[in-house]
Amino acid sequence: MSTFGFKIDPSSLPKLSSRGDNYHEWRSSWVVAFRYLELWDIISKKNVRPNDLIAAAEWRKLDNRALVMILSSIHTDHHTAVSNTISSAAAWDYLSNRYDRDTGNTTISLFRTLINLRYKDGGDLCAHLDNFH
């Protein structure tokens, strides 16, 4: 029986910048990582803290792991505010409320990303189309 031994290297994922101008790229990458690590349900509040003491202790352990990962994925300018939150979900909400806005700057940033997307001759067409999506 074979096992799947893929591991996530957090340093290969984007780090949220000091100004949060890469929030959408950061968010989409980390949502996938948290789903893979089975932590997204805690961050997204689908899995809330149970009342049972043993289950609550395990939930808190996973929540702390998610919070540490969030802290490691952001610029140090955000550390004080994020570390003062009570849970990984609260930390995620804080960052979302601060940077997930549909503003003119967001639209311009996405437009620039799109117009700067270029296919390199001889490159991987599937990867290029994935980036386009």
N, C-alpha and C. Protein backbone atom coordinates (compact mmCIF):
# COMPACT_ATOMS: atom_id res chain seq x y z
N MET A 1 0.84 -1.17 0.00
CA MET A 1 0.00 0.00 0.00
C MET A 1 0.89 1.24 0.00
N SER A 2 0.68 2.12 -0.95
CA SER A 2 1.51 3.32 -1.04
C SER A 2 0.87 4.47 -0.25
N THR A 3 1.72 5.38 0.16
CA THR A 3 1.23 6.56 0.87
C THR A 3 1.66 7.79 0.10
N PHE A 4 0.91 8.84 0.29
CA PHE A 4 1.18 10.11 -0.38
C PHE A 4 2.00 10.96 0.57
N GLY A 5 3.23 11.28 0.22
CA GLY A 5 4.13 11.95 1.13
C GLY A 5 4.38 13.42 0.82
N PHE A 6 3.43 14.10 0.25
CA PHE A 6 3.61 15.51 -0.09
C PHE A 6 3.59 16.37 1.17
N LYS A 7 4.53 17.31 1.26
CA LYS A 7 4.57 18.23 2.39
C LYS A 7 4.54 19.65 1.87
N ILE A 8 3.94 20.52 2.64
CA ILE A 8 3.87 21.93 2.27
C ILE A 8 5.08 22.66 2.86
N ASP A 9 5.74 23.43 2.02
CA ASP A 9 6.83 24.28 2.47
C ASP A 9 6.29 25.70 2.58
N PRO A 10 6.00 26.17 3.80
CA PRO A 10 5.41 27.51 3.95
C PRO A 10 6.24 28.62 3.32
N SER A 11 7.55 28.43 3.23
CA SER A 11 8.38 29.48 2.64
C SER A 11 8.15 29.61 1.13
N SER A 12 7.52 28.61 0.53
CA SER A 12 7.24 28.70 -0.91
C SER A 12 5.91 29.40 -1.18
N LEU A 13 5.15 29.68 -0.13
CA LEU A 13 3.87 30.38 -0.27
C LEU A 13 4.08 31.87 -0.05
N PRO A 14 3.21 32.70 -0.64
CA PRO A 14 3.38 34.15 -0.48
C PRO A 14 3.20 34.59 0.97
N LYS A 15 3.92 35.63 1.33
CA LYS A 15 3.82 36.23 2.66
C LYS A 15 3.06 37.54 2.49
N LEU A 16 2.06 37.78 3.34
CA LEU A 16 1.28 39.01 3.25
C LEU A 16 2.18 40.20 3.52
N SER A 17 2.20 41.14 2.60
CA SER A 17 3.09 42.29 2.72
C SER A 17 2.62 43.25 3.82
N SER A 18 3.47 44.16 4.15
CA SER A 18 3.19 45.14 5.19
C SER A 18 1.93 45.96 4.87
N ARG A 19 1.77 46.33 3.61
CA ARG A 19 0.60 47.12 3.20
C ARG A 19 -0.57 46.26 2.78
N GLY A 20 -0.37 44.98 2.67
CA GLY A 20 -1.45 44.08 2.27
C GLY A 20 -1.81 44.15 0.81
N ASP A 21 -0.91 44.71 -0.01
CA ASP A 21 -1.24 44.87 -1.42
C ASP A 21 -1.24 43.55 -2.20
N ASN A 22 -0.77 42.49 -1.60
CA ASN A 22 -0.82 41.17 -2.24
C ASN A 22 -1.83 40.25 -1.53
N TYR A 23 -2.82 40.85 -0.87
CA TYR A 23 -3.76 40.09 -0.05
C TYR A 23 -4.45 38.98 -0.83
N HIS A 24 -4.95 39.26 -2.02
CA HIS A 24 -5.72 38.26 -2.77
C HIS A 24 -4.86 37.06 -3.17
N GLU A 25 -3.64 37.33 -3.58
CA GLU A 25 -2.72 36.23 -3.90
C GLU A 25 -2.40 35.44 -2.63
N TRP A 26 -2.10 36.15 -1.54
CA TRP A 26 -1.79 35.51 -0.26
C TRP A 26 -2.96 34.65 0.20
N ARG A 27 -4.15 35.22 0.16
CA ARG A 27 -5.34 34.51 0.65
C ARG A 27 -5.59 33.23 -0.13
N SER A 28 -5.58 33.32 -1.45
CA SER A 28 -5.90 32.13 -2.25
C SER A 28 -4.88 31.02 -2.03
N SER A 29 -3.62 31.35 -1.91
CA SER A 29 -2.59 30.33 -1.67
C SER A 29 -2.75 29.69 -0.31
N TRP A 30 -3.01 30.49 0.71
CA TRP A 30 -3.10 29.95 2.06
C TRP A 30 -4.40 29.20 2.31
N VAL A 31 -5.48 29.57 1.63
CA VAL A 31 -6.72 28.79 1.76
C VAL A 31 -6.47 27.36 1.28
N VAL A 32 -5.79 27.23 0.15
CA VAL A 32 -5.48 25.89 -0.36
C VAL A 32 -4.59 25.13 0.63
N ALA A 33 -3.59 25.80 1.17
CA ALA A 33 -2.69 25.15 2.14
C ALA A 33 -3.46 24.72 3.39
N PHE A 34 -4.32 25.58 3.90
CA PHE A 34 -5.09 25.23 5.10
C PHE A 34 -6.08 24.10 4.82
N ARG A 35 -6.63 24.07 3.62
CA ARG A 35 -7.51 22.95 3.28
C ARG A 35 -6.73 21.64 3.25
N TYR A 36 -5.55 21.68 2.64
CA TYR A 36 -4.71 20.48 2.56
C TYR A 36 -4.34 19.99 3.96
N LEU A 37 -4.06 20.91 4.85
CA LEU A 37 -3.66 20.56 6.22
C LEU A 37 -4.85 20.30 7.14
N GLU A 38 -6.04 20.35 6.57
CA GLU A 38 -7.29 20.10 7.30
C GLU A 38 -7.49 21.07 8.46
N LEU A 39 -7.11 22.33 8.24
CA LEU A 39 -7.30 23.38 9.23
C LEU A 39 -8.31 24.43 8.78
N TRP A 40 -8.69 24.40 7.51
CA TRP A 40 -9.56 25.44 6.98
C TRP A 40 -10.92 25.47 7.66
N ASP A 41 -11.46 24.33 8.02
CA ASP A 41 -12.78 24.31 8.67
C ASP A 41 -12.75 25.04 10.01
N ILE A 42 -11.64 25.03 10.69
CA ILE A 42 -11.52 25.77 11.95
C ILE A 42 -11.43 27.27 11.66
N ILE A 43 -10.60 27.64 10.70
CA ILE A 43 -10.42 29.06 10.36
C ILE A 43 -11.71 29.65 9.81
N SER A 44 -12.42 28.88 8.99
CA SER A 44 -13.65 29.39 8.36
C SER A 44 -14.89 29.21 9.23
N LYS A 45 -14.71 28.73 10.44
CA LYS A 45 -15.77 28.58 11.45
C LYS A 45 -16.78 27.49 11.12
N LYS A 46 -16.44 26.58 10.22
CA LYS A 46 -17.31 25.43 9.96
C LYS A 46 -17.17 24.40 11.08
N ASN A 47 -16.01 24.37 11.70
CA ASN A 47 -15.73 23.47 12.81
C ASN A 47 -15.52 24.35 14.04
N VAL A 48 -16.57 24.49 14.85
CA VAL A 48 -16.48 25.36 16.03
C VAL A 48 -16.01 24.56 17.24
N ARG A 49 -15.57 25.26 18.24
CA ARG A 49 -15.04 24.60 19.44
C ARG A 49 -16.13 23.75 20.10
N PRO A 50 -15.86 22.47 20.30
CA PRO A 50 -16.86 21.59 20.93
C PRO A 50 -16.93 21.82 22.44
N ASN A 51 -18.01 21.35 23.04
CA ASN A 51 -18.21 21.50 24.48
C ASN A 51 -17.47 20.43 25.28
N ASP A 52 -17.29 19.26 24.71
CA ASP A 52 -16.58 18.17 25.37
C ASP A 52 -15.13 18.59 25.64
N LEU A 53 -14.66 18.39 26.85
CA LEU A 53 -13.33 18.86 27.25
C LEU A 53 -12.20 18.25 26.43
N ILE A 54 -12.27 16.96 26.18
CA ILE A 54 -11.20 16.30 25.42
C ILE A 54 -11.22 16.77 23.97
N ALA A 55 -12.40 16.83 23.38
CA ALA A 55 -12.52 17.31 21.99
C ALA A 55 -12.14 18.78 21.90
N ALA A 56 -12.48 19.56 22.91
CA ALA A 56 -12.13 20.99 22.92
C ALA A 56 -10.62 21.18 23.00
N ALA A 57 -9.94 20.33 23.75
CA ALA A 57 -8.48 20.42 23.84
C ALA A 57 -7.83 20.13 22.49
N GLU A 58 -8.33 19.13 21.78
CA GLU A 58 -7.80 18.81 20.45
C GLU A 58 -8.11 19.94 19.47
N TRP A 59 -9.32 20.49 19.56
CA TRP A 59 -9.71 21.61 18.69
C TRP A 59 -8.79 22.80 18.94
N ARG A 60 -8.51 23.12 20.21
CA ARG A 60 -7.65 24.24 20.57
C ARG A 60 -6.23 24.02 20.03
N LYS A 61 -5.76 22.80 20.08
CA LYS A 61 -4.44 22.46 19.55
C LYS A 61 -4.38 22.77 18.05
N LEU A 62 -5.41 22.37 17.30
CA LEU A 62 -5.46 22.63 15.86
C LEU A 62 -5.61 24.13 15.59
N ASP A 63 -6.42 24.80 16.41
CA ASP A 63 -6.62 26.24 16.25
C ASP A 63 -5.30 26.99 16.48
N ASN A 64 -4.56 26.59 17.50
CA ASN A 64 -3.25 27.22 17.77
C ASN A 64 -2.28 26.97 16.62
N ARG A 65 -2.31 25.76 16.06
CA ARG A 65 -1.45 25.45 14.91
C ARG A 65 -1.79 26.36 13.73
N ALA A 66 -3.08 26.55 13.48
CA ALA A 66 -3.51 27.43 12.39
C ALA A 66 -3.10 28.87 12.66
N LEU A 67 -3.23 29.32 13.90
CA LEU A 67 -2.85 30.69 14.25
C LEU A 67 -1.35 30.91 14.06
N VAL A 68 -0.55 29.95 14.45
CA VAL A 68 0.91 30.06 14.26
C VAL A 68 1.23 30.12 12.77
N MET A 69 0.54 29.33 11.97
CA MET A 69 0.78 29.36 10.53
C MET A 69 0.39 30.70 9.93
N ILE A 70 -0.73 31.27 10.40
CA ILE A 70 -1.13 32.59 9.92
C ILE A 70 -0.05 33.61 10.29
N LEU A 71 0.41 33.57 11.53
CA LEU A 71 1.47 34.50 11.96
C LEU A 71 2.73 34.36 11.13
N SER A 72 3.07 33.14 10.76
CA SER A 72 4.29 32.93 9.97
C SER A 72 4.11 33.35 8.51
N SER A 73 2.87 33.59 8.10
CA SER A 73 2.61 33.92 6.70
C SER A 73 2.39 35.41 6.46
N ILE A 74 2.59 36.22 7.49
CA ILE A 74 2.33 37.66 7.36
C ILE A 74 3.57 38.46 7.74
N HIS A 75 3.62 39.68 7.27
CA HIS A 75 4.71 40.59 7.61
C HIS A 75 4.66 40.90 9.10
N THR A 76 5.80 41.17 9.68
CA THR A 76 5.87 41.42 11.13
C THR A 76 5.06 42.64 11.56
N ASP A 77 4.76 43.55 10.65
CA ASP A 77 3.93 44.71 11.00
C ASP A 77 2.54 44.30 11.47
N HIS A 78 2.09 43.12 11.08
CA HIS A 78 0.76 42.64 11.46
C HIS A 78 0.77 41.79 12.72
N HIS A 79 1.93 41.41 13.20
CA HIS A 79 2.03 40.43 14.29
C HIS A 79 1.30 40.85 15.56
N THR A 80 1.44 42.09 15.98
CA THR A 80 0.81 42.51 17.24
C THR A 80 -0.70 42.38 17.16
N ALA A 81 -1.29 42.90 16.10
CA ALA A 81 -2.75 42.84 15.98
C ALA A 81 -3.24 41.40 15.87
N VAL A 82 -2.58 40.60 15.07
CA VAL A 82 -3.02 39.22 14.86
C VAL A 82 -2.80 38.37 16.11
N SER A 83 -1.68 38.56 16.78
CA SER A 83 -1.42 37.74 17.98
C SER A 83 -2.34 38.11 19.14
N ASN A 84 -2.99 39.26 19.07
CA ASN A 84 -3.95 39.65 20.11
C ASN A 84 -5.36 39.10 19.86
N THR A 85 -5.55 38.37 18.77
CA THR A 85 -6.86 37.77 18.51
C THR A 85 -7.00 36.50 19.33
N ILE A 86 -8.25 36.06 19.52
CA ILE A 86 -8.49 34.91 20.40
C ILE A 86 -8.46 33.57 19.69
N SER A 87 -8.43 33.59 18.36
CA SER A 87 -8.45 32.33 17.61
C SER A 87 -7.93 32.57 16.19
N SER A 88 -7.70 31.48 15.49
CA SER A 88 -7.27 31.59 14.10
C SER A 88 -8.38 32.21 13.25
N ALA A 89 -9.62 31.89 13.57
CA ALA A 89 -10.75 32.48 12.82
C ALA A 89 -10.80 33.98 13.02
N ALA A 90 -10.57 34.44 14.25
CA ALA A 90 -10.57 35.88 14.53
C ALA A 90 -9.40 36.56 13.82
N ALA A 91 -8.26 35.91 13.77
CA ALA A 91 -7.10 36.46 13.06
C ALA A 91 -7.40 36.58 11.57
N TRP A 92 -7.99 35.53 11.00
CA TRP A 92 -8.34 35.55 9.58
C TRP A 92 -9.36 36.65 9.30
N ASP A 93 -10.35 36.78 10.17
CA ASP A 93 -11.36 37.84 10.01
C ASP A 93 -10.72 39.22 10.07
N TYR A 94 -9.79 39.41 10.99
CA TYR A 94 -9.11 40.70 11.11
C TYR A 94 -8.43 41.07 9.79
N LEU A 95 -7.67 40.13 9.24
CA LEU A 95 -6.96 40.40 7.99
C LEU A 95 -7.93 40.59 6.83
N SER A 96 -8.98 39.80 6.81
CA SER A 96 -9.98 39.92 5.75
C SER A 96 -10.68 41.28 5.81
N ASN A 97 -11.07 41.69 7.01
CA ASN A 97 -11.75 42.98 7.16
C ASN A 97 -10.83 44.14 6.80
N ARG A 98 -9.55 43.95 7.01
CA ARG A 98 -8.60 45.02 6.73
C ARG A 98 -8.24 45.13 5.25
N TYR A 99 -8.14 43.99 4.55
CA TYR A 99 -7.60 44.02 3.19
C TYR A 99 -8.52 43.49 2.10
N ASP A 100 -9.56 42.77 2.42
CA ASP A 100 -10.42 42.18 1.38
C ASP A 100 -11.52 43.16 1.01
N ARG A 101 -11.12 44.15 0.26
CA ARG A 101 -12.08 45.17 -0.15
C ARG A 101 -12.10 45.23 -1.67
N ASP A 102 -13.27 45.43 -2.20
CA ASP A 102 -13.40 45.59 -3.65
C ASP A 102 -13.30 47.08 -3.95
N THR A 103 -12.08 47.56 -4.05
CA THR A 103 -11.85 48.98 -4.30
C THR A 103 -11.27 49.16 -5.69
N GLY A 104 -11.13 50.39 -6.07
CA GLY A 104 -10.50 50.69 -7.34
C GLY A 104 -9.09 50.16 -7.41
N ASN A 105 -8.36 50.26 -6.29
CA ASN A 105 -6.98 49.75 -6.27
C ASN A 105 -6.94 48.24 -6.48
N THR A 106 -7.90 47.53 -5.88
CA THR A 106 -7.95 46.08 -6.06
C THR A 106 -8.19 45.74 -7.53
N THR A 107 -9.12 46.44 -8.14
CA THR A 107 -9.44 46.21 -9.54
C THR A 107 -8.24 46.53 -10.42
N ILE A 108 -7.57 47.63 -10.14
CA ILE A 108 -6.39 48.01 -10.93
C ILE A 108 -5.29 46.98 -10.76
N SER A 109 -5.08 46.52 -9.53
CA SER A 109 -4.05 45.51 -9.27
C SER A 109 -4.34 44.23 -10.04
N LEU A 110 -5.58 43.77 -10.02
CA LEU A 110 -5.94 42.56 -10.76
C LEU A 110 -5.79 42.76 -12.27
N PHE A 111 -6.15 43.95 -12.75
CA PHE A 111 -6.03 44.26 -14.17
C PHE A 111 -4.56 44.26 -14.59
N ARG A 112 -3.70 44.86 -13.77
CA ARG A 112 -2.26 44.87 -14.08
C ARG A 112 -1.70 43.45 -14.13
N THR A 113 -2.12 42.63 -13.18
CA THR A 113 -1.66 41.24 -13.18
C THR A 113 -2.06 40.55 -14.47
N LEU A 114 -3.29 40.79 -14.91
CA LEU A 114 -3.79 40.18 -16.13
C LEU A 114 -3.02 40.66 -17.37
N ILE A 115 -2.82 41.97 -17.49
CA ILE A 115 -2.15 42.47 -18.70
C ILE A 115 -0.66 42.15 -18.72
N ASN A 116 -0.07 41.89 -17.56
CA ASN A 116 1.35 41.53 -17.51
C ASN A 116 1.59 40.04 -17.68
N LEU A 117 0.52 39.28 -17.75
CA LEU A 117 0.64 37.83 -17.91
C LEU A 117 1.05 37.53 -19.35
N ARG A 118 2.18 36.91 -19.51
CA ARG A 118 2.71 36.60 -20.84
C ARG A 118 3.08 35.13 -20.92
N TYR A 119 2.75 34.54 -22.06
CA TYR A 119 3.17 33.17 -22.32
C TYR A 119 4.57 33.20 -22.91
N LYS A 120 5.47 32.41 -22.35
CA LYS A 120 6.83 32.32 -22.86
C LYS A 120 6.89 31.19 -23.87
N ASP A 121 7.36 31.50 -25.05
CA ASP A 121 7.45 30.51 -26.12
C ASP A 121 8.22 29.28 -25.64
N GLY A 122 7.61 28.13 -25.81
CA GLY A 122 8.22 26.88 -25.38
C GLY A 122 7.91 26.54 -23.93
N GLY A 123 7.18 27.43 -23.25
CA GLY A 123 6.84 27.20 -21.84
C GLY A 123 5.67 26.24 -21.70
N ASP A 124 5.29 26.00 -20.50
CA ASP A 124 4.18 25.09 -20.19
C ASP A 124 2.85 25.81 -20.39
N LEU A 125 2.14 25.45 -21.45
CA LEU A 125 0.89 26.12 -21.78
C LEU A 125 -0.17 25.88 -20.71
N CYS A 126 -0.22 24.68 -20.15
CA CYS A 126 -1.20 24.38 -19.09
C CYS A 126 -0.97 25.27 -17.87
N ALA A 127 0.29 25.45 -17.48
CA ALA A 127 0.60 26.31 -16.33
C ALA A 127 0.22 27.75 -16.63
N HIS A 128 0.47 28.19 -17.86
CA HIS A 128 0.10 29.56 -18.25
C HIS A 128 -1.41 29.75 -18.16
N LEU A 129 -2.16 28.79 -18.67
CA LEU A 129 -3.62 28.90 -18.62
C LEU A 129 -4.14 28.84 -17.19
N ASP A 130 -3.48 28.06 -16.34
CA ASP A 130 -3.86 28.03 -14.92
C ASP A 130 -3.64 29.39 -14.28
N ASN A 131 -2.53 30.05 -14.61
CA ASN A 131 -2.27 31.39 -14.09
C ASN A 131 -3.31 32.38 -14.59
N PHE A 132 -3.73 32.21 -15.85
CA PHE A 132 -4.73 33.09 -16.42
C PHE A 132 -6.06 32.96 -15.69
N HIS A 133 -6.39 31.71 -15.33
CA HIS A 133 -7.65 31.48 -14.62
C HIS A 133 -7.60 32.12 -13.27
